[in-house]
Amino acid sequence: MSSKYEVKIGNKASKQVRELIKTQPGAFKRKLRETIGVLGDNPYISPESGRRYQPKKLANGRWAVRIDQNHRMEYAIAGQVVHIIRVADRRDAYKT
């Protein structure tokens, strides 16, 4: 993974995500790449599928976006650098 992605798995990441990262890191990285797209001035994330997601600001100051039905990512934007903070279970999506 390029140096601009720092992936940390949250405590509440689902078992499915943990397994995906262990068994198929390539698939996980690909999913990250197509989900993130290019973040910069654009507040939207445009995966290759063309779908656009509106990130939501959490109470703790981080931003969260839903990737698919079950998972979402939090990220912090520093210039063009995106740090993936956590892949979390949907139930935890908007809790601080």
PDB file of N, CA and C in Angstrom:
ATOM      1  N   MET A   1       0.845  -1.169   0.000  1.00  0.00           N
ATOM      2  CA  MET A   1       0.000   0.000   0.000  1.00  0.00           C
ATOM      3  C   MET A   1       0.890   1.231   0.000  1.00  0.00           C
ATOM      4  N   SER A   2       0.505   2.250  -0.735  1.00  0.00           N
ATOM      5  CA  SER A   2       1.355   3.427  -0.796  1.00  0.00           C
ATOM      6  C   SER A   2       1.430   4.078   0.574  1.00  0.00           C
ATOM      7  N   SER A   3       2.456   4.894   0.753  1.00  0.00           N
ATOM      8  CA  SER A   3       2.722   5.443   2.068  1.00  0.00           C
ATOM      9  C   SER A   3       1.635   6.397   2.547  1.00  0.00           C
ATOM     10  N   LYS A   4       0.759   6.852   1.653  1.00  0.00           N
ATOM     11  CA  LYS A   4      -0.243   7.797   2.135  1.00  0.00           C
ATOM     12  C   LYS A   4      -1.445   7.123   2.791  1.00  0.00           C
ATOM     13  N   TYR A   5      -1.463   5.799   2.805  1.00  0.00           N
ATOM     14  CA  TYR A   5      -2.534   5.103   3.498  1.00  0.00           C
ATOM     15  C   TYR A   5      -1.978   4.439   4.741  1.00  0.00           C
ATOM     16  N   GLU A   6      -2.530   4.793   5.862  1.00  0.00           N
ATOM     17  CA  GLU A   6      -2.109   4.151   7.102  1.00  0.00           C
ATOM     18  C   GLU A   6      -3.353   3.462   7.633  1.00  0.00           C
ATOM     19  N   VAL A   7      -3.332   2.146   7.665  1.00  0.00           N
ATOM     20  CA  VAL A   7      -4.534   1.420   8.044  1.00  0.00           C
ATOM     21  C   VAL A   7      -4.412   0.901   9.461  1.00  0.00           C
ATOM     22  N   LYS A   8      -5.395   1.234  10.265  1.00  0.00           N
ATOM     23  CA  LYS A   8      -5.445   0.709  11.622  1.00  0.00           C
ATOM     24  C   LYS A   8      -6.816   0.077  11.782  1.00  0.00           C
ATOM     25  N   ILE A   9      -6.847  -1.088  12.369  1.00  0.00           N
ATOM     26  CA  ILE A   9      -8.123  -1.763  12.539  1.00  0.00           C
ATOM     27  C   ILE A   9      -8.678  -1.400  13.905  1.00  0.00           C
ATOM     28  N   GLY A  10      -9.889  -0.905  13.925  1.00  0.00           N
ATOM     29  CA  GLY A  10     -10.520  -0.543  15.194  1.00  0.00           C
ATOM     30  C   GLY A  10     -10.911  -1.784  15.979  1.00  0.00           C
ATOM     31  N   ASN A  11     -11.132  -1.595  17.269  1.00  0.00           N
ATOM     32  CA  ASN A  11     -11.508  -2.712  18.134  1.00  0.00           C
ATOM     33  C   ASN A  11     -12.820  -3.349  17.714  1.00  0.00           C
ATOM     34  N   LYS A  12     -13.683  -2.560  17.108  1.00  0.00           N
ATOM     35  CA  LYS A  12     -14.992  -3.081  16.759  1.00  0.00           C
ATOM     36  C   LYS A  12     -15.098  -3.469  15.293  1.00  0.00           C
ATOM     37  N   ALA A  13     -13.963  -3.589  14.625  1.00  0.00           N
ATOM     38  CA  ALA A  13     -14.009  -4.023  13.229  1.00  0.00           C
ATOM     39  C   ALA A  13     -14.631  -5.411  13.186  1.00  0.00           C
ATOM     40  N   SER A  14     -15.443  -5.657  12.183  1.00  0.00           N
ATOM     41  CA  SER A  14     -16.123  -6.937  12.127  1.00  0.00           C
ATOM     42  C   SER A  14     -15.145  -8.059  11.801  1.00  0.00           C
ATOM     43  N   LYS A  15     -15.541  -9.260  12.162  1.00  0.00           N
ATOM     44  CA  LYS A  15     -14.724 -10.443  11.922  1.00  0.00           C
ATOM     45  C   LYS A  15     -14.462 -10.594  10.422  1.00  0.00           C
ATOM     46  N   GLN A  16     -15.476 -10.268   9.633  1.00  0.00           N
ATOM     47  CA  GLN A  16     -15.378 -10.382   8.176  1.00  0.00           C
ATOM     48  C   GLN A  16     -14.243  -9.504   7.645  1.00  0.00           C
ATOM     49  N   VAL A  17     -14.148  -8.283   8.164  1.00  0.00           N
ATOM     50  CA  VAL A  17     -13.104  -7.370   7.712  1.00  0.00           C
ATOM     51  C   VAL A  17     -11.742  -7.863   8.159  1.00  0.00           C
ATOM     52  N   ARG A  18     -11.640  -8.311   9.412  1.00  0.00           N
ATOM     53  CA  ARG A  18     -10.366  -8.829   9.920  1.00  0.00           C
ATOM     54  C   ARG A  18      -9.877  -9.985   9.059  1.00  0.00           C
ATOM     55  N   GLU A  19     -10.792 -10.885   8.724  1.00  0.00           N
ATOM     56  CA  GLU A  19     -10.436 -12.042   7.905  1.00  0.00           C
ATOM     57  C   GLU A  19      -9.992 -11.607   6.512  1.00  0.00           C
ATOM     58  N   LEU A  20     -10.706 -10.644   5.942  1.00  0.00           N
ATOM     59  CA  LEU A  20     -10.365 -10.166   4.601  1.00  0.00           C
ATOM     60  C   LEU A  20      -8.949  -9.604   4.586  1.00  0.00           C
ATOM     61  N   ILE A  21      -8.602  -8.851   5.631  1.00  0.00           N
ATOM     62  CA  ILE A  21      -7.276  -8.245   5.682  1.00  0.00           C
ATOM     63  C   ILE A  21      -6.202  -9.314   5.840  1.00  0.00           C
ATOM     64  N   LYS A  22      -6.489 -10.337   6.654  1.00  0.00           N
ATOM     65  CA  LYS A  22      -5.502 -11.401   6.865  1.00  0.00           C
ATOM     66  C   LYS A  22      -5.346 -12.282   5.637  1.00  0.00           C
ATOM     67  N   THR A  23      -6.483 -12.715   5.077  1.00  0.00           N
ATOM     68  CA  THR A  23      -6.421 -13.710   4.013  1.00  0.00           C
ATOM     69  C   THR A  23      -6.267 -13.121   2.618  1.00  0.00           C
ATOM     70  N   GLN A  24      -6.826 -11.927   2.383  1.00  0.00           N
ATOM     71  CA  GLN A  24      -6.749 -11.336   1.047  1.00  0.00           C
ATOM     72  C   GLN A  24      -6.365  -9.866   1.127  1.00  0.00           C
ATOM     73  N   PRO A  25      -5.144  -9.578   1.564  1.00  0.00           N
ATOM     74  CA  PRO A  25      -4.755  -8.172   1.682  1.00  0.00           C
ATOM     75  C   PRO A  25      -4.848  -7.428   0.355  1.00  0.00           C
ATOM     76  N   GLY A  26      -4.627  -8.135  -0.750  1.00  0.00           N
ATOM     77  CA  GLY A  26      -4.710  -7.503  -2.066  1.00  0.00           C
ATOM     78  C   GLY A  26      -6.114  -6.999  -2.345  1.00  0.00           C
ATOM     79  N   ALA A  27      -7.105  -7.812  -2.015  1.00  0.00           N
ATOM     80  CA  ALA A  27      -8.498  -7.425  -2.246  1.00  0.00           C
ATOM     81  C   ALA A  27      -8.863  -6.240  -1.365  1.00  0.00           C
ATOM     82  N   PHE A  28      -8.343  -6.257  -0.153  1.00  0.00           N
ATOM     83  CA  PHE A  28      -8.636  -5.162   0.773  1.00  0.00           C
ATOM     84  C   PHE A  28      -8.031  -3.853   0.270  1.00  0.00           C
ATOM     85  N   LYS A  29      -6.780  -3.932  -0.206  1.00  0.00           N
ATOM     86  CA  LYS A  29      -6.119  -2.734  -0.717  1.00  0.00           C
ATOM     87  C   LYS A  29      -6.839  -2.192  -1.947  1.00  0.00           C
ATOM     88  N   ARG A  30      -7.297  -3.120  -2.793  1.00  0.00           N
ATOM     89  CA  ARG A  30      -8.014  -2.706  -3.996  1.00  0.00           C
ATOM     90  C   ARG A  30      -9.305  -1.985  -3.600  1.00  0.00           C
ATOM     91  N   LYS A  31      -9.972  -2.535  -2.601  1.00  0.00           N
ATOM     92  CA  LYS A  31     -11.219  -1.928  -2.137  1.00  0.00           C
ATOM     93  C   LYS A  31     -10.949  -0.529  -1.582  1.00  0.00           C
ATOM     94  N   LEU A  32      -9.847  -0.407  -0.844  1.00  0.00           N
ATOM     95  CA  LEU A  32      -9.462   0.907  -0.312  1.00  0.00           C
ATOM     96  C   LEU A  32      -9.260   1.893  -1.451  1.00  0.00           C
ATOM     97  N   ARG A  33      -8.479   1.461  -2.446  1.00  0.00           N
ATOM     98  CA  ARG A  33      -8.152   2.353  -3.554  1.00  0.00           C
ATOM     99  C   ARG A  33      -9.401   2.818  -4.289  1.00  0.00           C
ATOM    100  N   GLU A  34     -10.281   1.869  -4.614  1.00  0.00           N
ATOM    101  CA  GLU A  34     -11.436   2.281  -5.399  1.00  0.00           C
ATOM    102  C   GLU A  34     -12.450   3.034  -4.555  1.00  0.00           C
ATOM    103  N   THR A  35     -12.413   2.839  -3.243  1.00  0.00           N
ATOM    104  CA  THR A  35     -13.347   3.552  -2.375  1.00  0.00           C
ATOM    105  C   THR A  35     -12.903   4.981  -2.154  1.00  0.00           C
ATOM    106  N   ILE A  36     -11.622   5.154  -1.918  1.00  0.00           N
ATOM    107  CA  ILE A  36     -11.124   6.473  -1.578  1.00  0.00           C
ATOM    108  C   ILE A  36     -11.145   7.414  -2.763  1.00  0.00           C
ATOM    109  N   GLY A  37     -10.726   6.922  -3.928  1.00  0.00           N
ATOM    110  CA  GLY A  37     -10.668   7.806  -5.078  1.00  0.00           C
ATOM    111  C   GLY A  37      -9.682   8.916  -4.771  1.00  0.00           C
ATOM    112  N   VAL A  38      -9.925  10.083  -5.285  1.00  0.00           N
ATOM    113  CA  VAL A  38      -9.023  11.193  -5.026  1.00  0.00           C
ATOM    114  C   VAL A  38      -9.737  12.175  -4.119  1.00  0.00           C
ATOM    115  N   LEU A  39      -9.212  12.320  -2.926  1.00  0.00           N
ATOM    116  CA  LEU A  39      -9.767  13.305  -2.006  1.00  0.00           C
ATOM    117  C   LEU A  39      -8.896  14.532  -2.078  1.00  0.00           C
ATOM    118  N   GLY A  40      -9.480  15.662  -2.024  1.00  0.00           N
ATOM    119  CA  GLY A  40      -8.718  16.892  -2.035  1.00  0.00           C
ATOM    120  C   GLY A  40      -9.688  17.968  -1.644  1.00  0.00           C
ATOM    121  N   ASP A  41     -10.053  18.789  -2.624  1.00  0.00           N
ATOM    122  CA  ASP A  41     -11.050  19.812  -2.349  1.00  0.00           C
ATOM    123  C   ASP A  41     -12.448  19.208  -2.388  1.00  0.00           C
ATOM    124  N   ASN A  42     -12.568  18.071  -3.047  1.00  0.00           N
ATOM    125  CA  ASN A  42     -13.878  17.454  -3.213  1.00  0.00           C
ATOM    126  C   ASN A  42     -14.267  16.686  -1.955  1.00  0.00           C
ATOM    127  N   PRO A  43     -15.380  17.036  -1.315  1.00  0.00           N
ATOM    128  CA  PRO A  43     -15.778  16.344  -0.091  1.00  0.00           C
ATOM    129  C   PRO A  43     -16.383  14.973  -0.360  1.00  0.00           C
ATOM    130  N   TYR A  44     -16.577  14.653  -1.637  1.00  0.00           N
ATOM    131  CA  TYR A  44     -17.178  13.374  -1.965  1.00  0.00           C
ATOM    132  C   TYR A  44     -16.116  12.341  -2.273  1.00  0.00           C
ATOM    133  N   ILE A  45     -16.490  11.097  -2.114  1.00  0.00           N
ATOM    134  CA  ILE A  45     -15.620  10.003  -2.503  1.00  0.00           C
ATOM    135  C   ILE A  45     -16.278   9.348  -3.701  1.00  0.00           C
ATOM    136  N   SER A  46     -15.544   9.222  -4.781  1.00  0.00           N
ATOM    137  CA  SER A  46     -16.109   8.644  -5.989  1.00  0.00           C
ATOM    138  C   SER A  46     -15.360   7.369  -6.346  1.00  0.00           C
ATOM    139  N   PRO A  47     -15.874   6.232  -5.955  1.00  0.00           N
ATOM    140  CA  PRO A  47     -15.240   4.968  -6.345  1.00  0.00           C
ATOM    141  C   PRO A  47     -15.356   4.769  -7.850  1.00  0.00           C
ATOM    142  N   GLU A  48     -14.678   3.749  -8.351  1.00  0.00           N
ATOM    143  CA  GLU A  48     -14.713   3.479  -9.784  1.00  0.00           C
ATOM    144  C   GLU A  48     -16.131   3.201 -10.256  1.00  0.00           C
ATOM    145  N   SER A  49     -16.968   2.733  -9.355  1.00  0.00           N
ATOM    146  CA  SER A  49     -18.340   2.415  -9.735  1.00  0.00           C
ATOM    147  C   SER A  49     -19.125   3.673 -10.084  1.00  0.00           C
ATOM    148  N   GLY A  50     -18.578   4.843  -9.706  1.00  0.00           N
ATOM    149  CA  GLY A  50     -19.268   6.079 -10.017  1.00  0.00           C
ATOM    150  C   GLY A  50     -20.195   6.538  -8.906  1.00  0.00           C
ATOM    151  N   ARG A  51     -20.381   5.699  -7.891  1.00  0.00           N
ATOM    152  CA  ARG A  51     -21.244   6.110  -6.786  1.00  0.00           C
ATOM    153  C   ARG A  51     -20.526   7.166  -5.966  1.00  0.00           C
ATOM    154  N   ARG A  52     -21.289   8.074  -5.409  1.00  0.00           N
ATOM    155  CA  ARG A  52     -20.691   9.140  -4.618  1.00  0.00           C
ATOM    156  C   ARG A  52     -21.195   9.034  -3.185  1.00  0.00           C
ATOM    157  N   TYR A  53     -20.288   9.181  -2.270  1.00  0.00           N
ATOM    158  CA  TYR A  53     -20.644   9.091  -0.865  1.00  0.00           C
ATOM    159  C   TYR A  53     -20.386  10.420  -0.187  1.00  0.00           C
ATOM    160  N   GLN A  54     -21.295  10.831   0.662  1.00  0.00           N
ATOM    161  CA  GLN A  54     -21.109  12.066   1.416  1.00  0.00           C
ATOM    162  C   GLN A  54     -20.570  11.697   2.794  1.00  0.00           C
ATOM    163  N   PRO A  55     -19.352  12.101   3.092  1.00  0.00           N
ATOM    164  CA  PRO A  55     -18.824  11.813   4.418  1.00  0.00           C
ATOM    165  C   PRO A  55     -19.606  12.574   5.483  1.00  0.00           C
ATOM    166  N   LYS A  56     -19.614  12.037   6.693  1.00  0.00           N
ATOM    167  CA  LYS A  56     -20.311  12.671   7.802  1.00  0.00           C
ATOM    168  C   LYS A  56     -19.304  12.954   8.899  1.00  0.00           C
ATOM    169  N   LYS A  57     -19.358  14.142   9.464  1.00  0.00           N
ATOM    170  CA  LYS A  57     -18.413  14.479  10.525  1.00  0.00           C
ATOM    171  C   LYS A  57     -18.916  13.903  11.843  1.00  0.00           C
ATOM    172  N   LEU A  58     -18.047  13.185  12.535  1.00  0.00           N
ATOM    173  CA  LEU A  58     -18.415  12.598  13.817  1.00  0.00           C
ATOM    174  C   LEU A  58     -18.212  13.622  14.927  1.00  0.00           C
ATOM    175  N   ALA A  59     -18.791  13.330  16.085  1.00  0.00           N
ATOM    176  CA  ALA A  59     -18.676  14.239  17.226  1.00  0.00           C
ATOM    177  C   ALA A  59     -17.228  14.377  17.687  1.00  0.00           C
ATOM    178  N   ASN A  60     -16.419  13.354  17.446  1.00  0.00           N
ATOM    179  CA  ASN A  60     -15.022  13.419  17.889  1.00  0.00           C
ATOM    180  C   ASN A  60     -14.123  14.118  16.872  1.00  0.00           C
ATOM    181  N   GLY A  61     -14.727  14.694  15.831  1.00  0.00           N
ATOM    182  CA  GLY A  61     -13.931  15.466  14.879  1.00  0.00           C
ATOM    183  C   GLY A  61     -13.453  14.684  13.675  1.00  0.00           C
ATOM    184  N   ARG A  62     -13.600  13.365  13.702  1.00  0.00           N
ATOM    185  CA  ARG A  62     -13.199  12.578  12.535  1.00  0.00           C
ATOM    186  C   ARG A  62     -14.333  12.548  11.531  1.00  0.00           C
ATOM    187  N   TRP A  63     -13.997  12.130  10.331  1.00  0.00           N
ATOM    188  CA  TRP A  63     -15.007  11.998   9.288  1.00  0.00           C
ATOM    189  C   TRP A  63     -15.232  10.523   9.023  1.00  0.00           C
ATOM    190  N   ALA A  64     -16.464  10.170   8.710  1.00  0.00           N
ATOM    191  CA  ALA A  64     -16.766   8.776   8.427  1.00  0.00           C
ATOM    192  C   ALA A  64     -17.528   8.688   7.118  1.00  0.00           C
ATOM    193  N   VAL A  65     -17.320   7.601   6.425  1.00  0.00           N
ATOM    194  CA  VAL A  65     -18.073   7.385   5.193  1.00  0.00           C
ATOM    195  C   VAL A  65     -18.400   5.903   5.100  1.00  0.00           C
ATOM    196  N   ARG A  66     -19.576   5.599   4.595  1.00  0.00           N
ATOM    197  CA  ARG A  66     -19.962   4.205   4.452  1.00  0.00           C
ATOM    198  C   ARG A  66     -19.414   3.694   3.134  1.00  0.00           C
ATOM    199  N   ILE A  67     -18.759   2.543   3.174  1.00  0.00           N
ATOM    200  CA  ILE A  67     -18.224   1.959   1.953  1.00  0.00           C
ATOM    201  C   ILE A  67     -19.297   1.105   1.299  1.00  0.00           C
ATOM    202  N   ASP A  68     -19.872   0.231   2.085  1.00  0.00           N
ATOM    203  CA  ASP A  68     -20.913  -0.637   1.570  1.00  0.00           C
ATOM    204  C   ASP A  68     -21.883  -0.853   2.715  1.00  0.00           C
ATOM    205  N   GLN A  69     -22.727  -1.838   2.610  1.00  0.00           N
ATOM    206  CA  GLN A  69     -23.755  -2.019   3.628  1.00  0.00           C
ATOM    207  C   GLN A  69     -23.187  -2.234   5.020  1.00  0.00           C
ATOM    208  N   ASN A  70     -22.037  -2.861   5.114  1.00  0.00           N
ATOM    209  CA  ASN A  70     -21.577  -3.284   6.425  1.00  0.00           C
ATOM    210  C   ASN A  70     -20.432  -2.497   7.017  1.00  0.00           C
ATOM    211  N   HIS A  71     -19.662  -1.850   6.189  1.00  0.00           N
ATOM    212  CA  HIS A  71     -18.449  -1.254   6.716  1.00  0.00           C
ATOM    213  C   HIS A  71     -18.312   0.187   6.318  1.00  0.00           C
ATOM    214  N   ARG A  72     -17.518   0.889   7.061  1.00  0.00           N
ATOM    215  CA  ARG A  72     -17.253   2.274   6.701  1.00  0.00           C
ATOM    216  C   ARG A  72     -15.816   2.577   7.089  1.00  0.00           C
ATOM    217  N   MET A  73     -15.341   3.713   6.659  1.00  0.00           N
ATOM    218  CA  MET A  73     -13.986   4.105   6.998  1.00  0.00           C
ATOM    219  C   MET A  73     -14.022   5.496   7.573  1.00  0.00           C
ATOM    220  N   GLU A  74     -13.129   5.726   8.513  1.00  0.00           N
ATOM    221  CA  GLU A  74     -12.945   7.073   9.022  1.00  0.00           C
ATOM    222  C   GLU A  74     -11.641   7.541   8.432  1.00  0.00           C
ATOM    223  N   TYR A  75     -11.554   8.792   8.108  1.00  0.00           N
ATOM    224  CA  TYR A  75     -10.294   9.270   7.576  1.00  0.00           C
ATOM    225  C   TYR A  75     -10.081  10.707   7.995  1.00  0.00           C
ATOM    226  N   ALA A  76      -8.833  11.104   8.005  1.00  0.00           N
ATOM    227  CA  ALA A  76      -8.488  12.483   8.308  1.00  0.00           C
ATOM    228  C   ALA A  76      -7.756  13.012   7.099  1.00  0.00           C
ATOM    229  N   ILE A  77      -8.083  14.210   6.662  1.00  0.00           N
ATOM    230  CA  ILE A  77      -7.445  14.769   5.483  1.00  0.00           C
ATOM    231  C   ILE A  77      -6.426  15.814   5.908  1.00  0.00           C
ATOM    232  N   ALA A  78      -5.201  15.616   5.497  1.00  0.00           N
ATOM    233  CA  ALA A  78      -4.146  16.604   5.739  1.00  0.00           C
ATOM    234  C   ALA A  78      -3.571  16.908   4.369  1.00  0.00           C
ATOM    235  N   GLY A  79      -4.011  17.966   3.746  1.00  0.00           N
ATOM    236  CA  GLY A  79      -3.610  18.243   2.373  1.00  0.00           C
ATOM    237  C   GLY A  79      -4.170  17.156   1.482  1.00  0.00           C
ATOM    238  N   GLN A  80      -3.296  16.507   0.720  1.00  0.00           N
ATOM    239  CA  GLN A  80      -3.739  15.428  -0.152  1.00  0.00           C
ATOM    240  C   GLN A  80      -3.583  14.073   0.522  1.00  0.00           C
ATOM    241  N   VAL A  81      -3.074  14.069   1.745  1.00  0.00           N
ATOM    242  CA  VAL A  81      -2.791  12.793   2.405  1.00  0.00           C
ATOM    243  C   VAL A  81      -4.009  12.292   3.145  1.00  0.00           C
ATOM    244  N   VAL A  82      -4.337  11.047   2.917  1.00  0.00           N
ATOM    245  CA  VAL A  82      -5.489  10.461   3.584  1.00  0.00           C
ATOM    246  C   VAL A  82      -5.001   9.341   4.480  1.00  0.00           C
ATOM    247  N   HIS A  83      -5.340   9.422   5.747  1.00  0.00           N
ATOM    248  CA  HIS A  83      -5.025   8.337   6.669  1.00  0.00           C
ATOM    249  C   HIS A  83      -6.310   7.578   6.939  1.00  0.00           C
ATOM    250  N   ILE A  84      -6.289   6.288   6.673  1.00  0.00           N
ATOM    251  CA  ILE A  84      -7.445   5.472   6.995  1.00  0.00           C
ATOM    252  C   ILE A  84      -7.289   5.114   8.459  1.00  0.00           C
ATOM    253  N   ILE A  85      -8.179   5.609   9.280  1.00  0.00           N
ATOM    254  CA  ILE A  85      -8.031   5.403  10.709  1.00  0.00           C
ATOM    255  C   ILE A  85      -8.593   4.052  11.114  1.00  0.00           C
ATOM    256  N   ARG A  86      -9.753   3.728  10.588  1.00  0.00           N
ATOM    257  CA  ARG A  86     -10.373   2.513  11.073  1.00  0.00           C
ATOM    258  C   ARG A  86     -11.390   1.983  10.077  1.00  0.00           C
ATOM    259  N   VAL A  87     -11.476   0.666  10.017  1.00  0.00           N
ATOM    260  CA  VAL A  87     -12.568   0.036   9.295  1.00  0.00           C
ATOM    261  C   VAL A  87     -13.419  -0.548  10.392  1.00  0.00           C
ATOM    262  N   ALA A  88     -14.653  -0.101  10.488  1.00  0.00           N
ATOM    263  CA  ALA A  88     -15.443  -0.462  11.654  1.00  0.00           C
ATOM    264  C   ALA A  88     -16.761  -1.109  11.276  1.00  0.00           C
ATOM    265  N   ASP A  89     -17.334  -1.751  12.238  1.00  0.00           N
ATOM    266  CA  ASP A  89     -18.630  -2.368  12.069  1.00  0.00           C
ATOM    267  C   ASP A  89     -19.678  -1.268  11.916  1.00  0.00           C
ATOM    268  N   ARG A  90     -20.655  -1.501  11.109  1.00  0.00           N
ATOM    269  CA  ARG A  90     -21.652  -0.464  10.834  1.00  0.00           C
ATOM    270  C   ARG A  90     -22.361   0.012  12.099  1.00  0.00           C
ATOM    271  N   ARG A  91     -22.580  -0.908  13.055  1.00  0.00           N
ATOM    272  CA  ARG A  91     -23.283  -0.529  14.282  1.00  0.00           C
ATOM    273  C   ARG A  91     -22.547   0.570  15.028  1.00  0.00           C
ATOM    274  N   ASP A  92     -21.239   0.640  14.798  1.00  0.00           N
ATOM    275  CA  ASP A  92     -20.416   1.626  15.493  1.00  0.00           C
ATOM    276  C   ASP A  92     -20.247   2.891  14.649  1.00  0.00           C
ATOM    277  N   ALA A  93     -20.900   2.924  13.490  1.00  0.00           N
ATOM    278  CA  ALA A  93     -20.566   3.929  12.487  1.00  0.00           C
ATOM    279  C   ALA A  93     -20.620   5.372  12.960  1.00  0.00           C
ATOM    280  N   TYR A  94     -21.664   5.748  13.668  1.00  0.00           N
ATOM    281  CA  TYR A  94     -21.745   7.157  14.024  1.00  0.00           C
ATOM    282  C   TYR A  94     -21.683   7.380  15.523  1.00  0.00           C
ATOM    283  N   LYS A  95     -21.125   6.413  16.240  1.00  0.00           N
ATOM    284  CA  LYS A  95     -20.921   6.602  17.674  1.00  0.00           C
ATOM    285  C   LYS A  95     -19.517   7.122  17.873  1.00  0.00           C
ATOM    286  N   THR A  96     -19.309   7.872  18.931  1.00  0.00           N
ATOM    287  CA  THR A  96     -17.957   8.386  19.170  1.00  0.00           C
ATOM    288  C   THR A  96     -17.224   7.438  20.099  1.00  0.00           C
TER     289      THR A  96
END
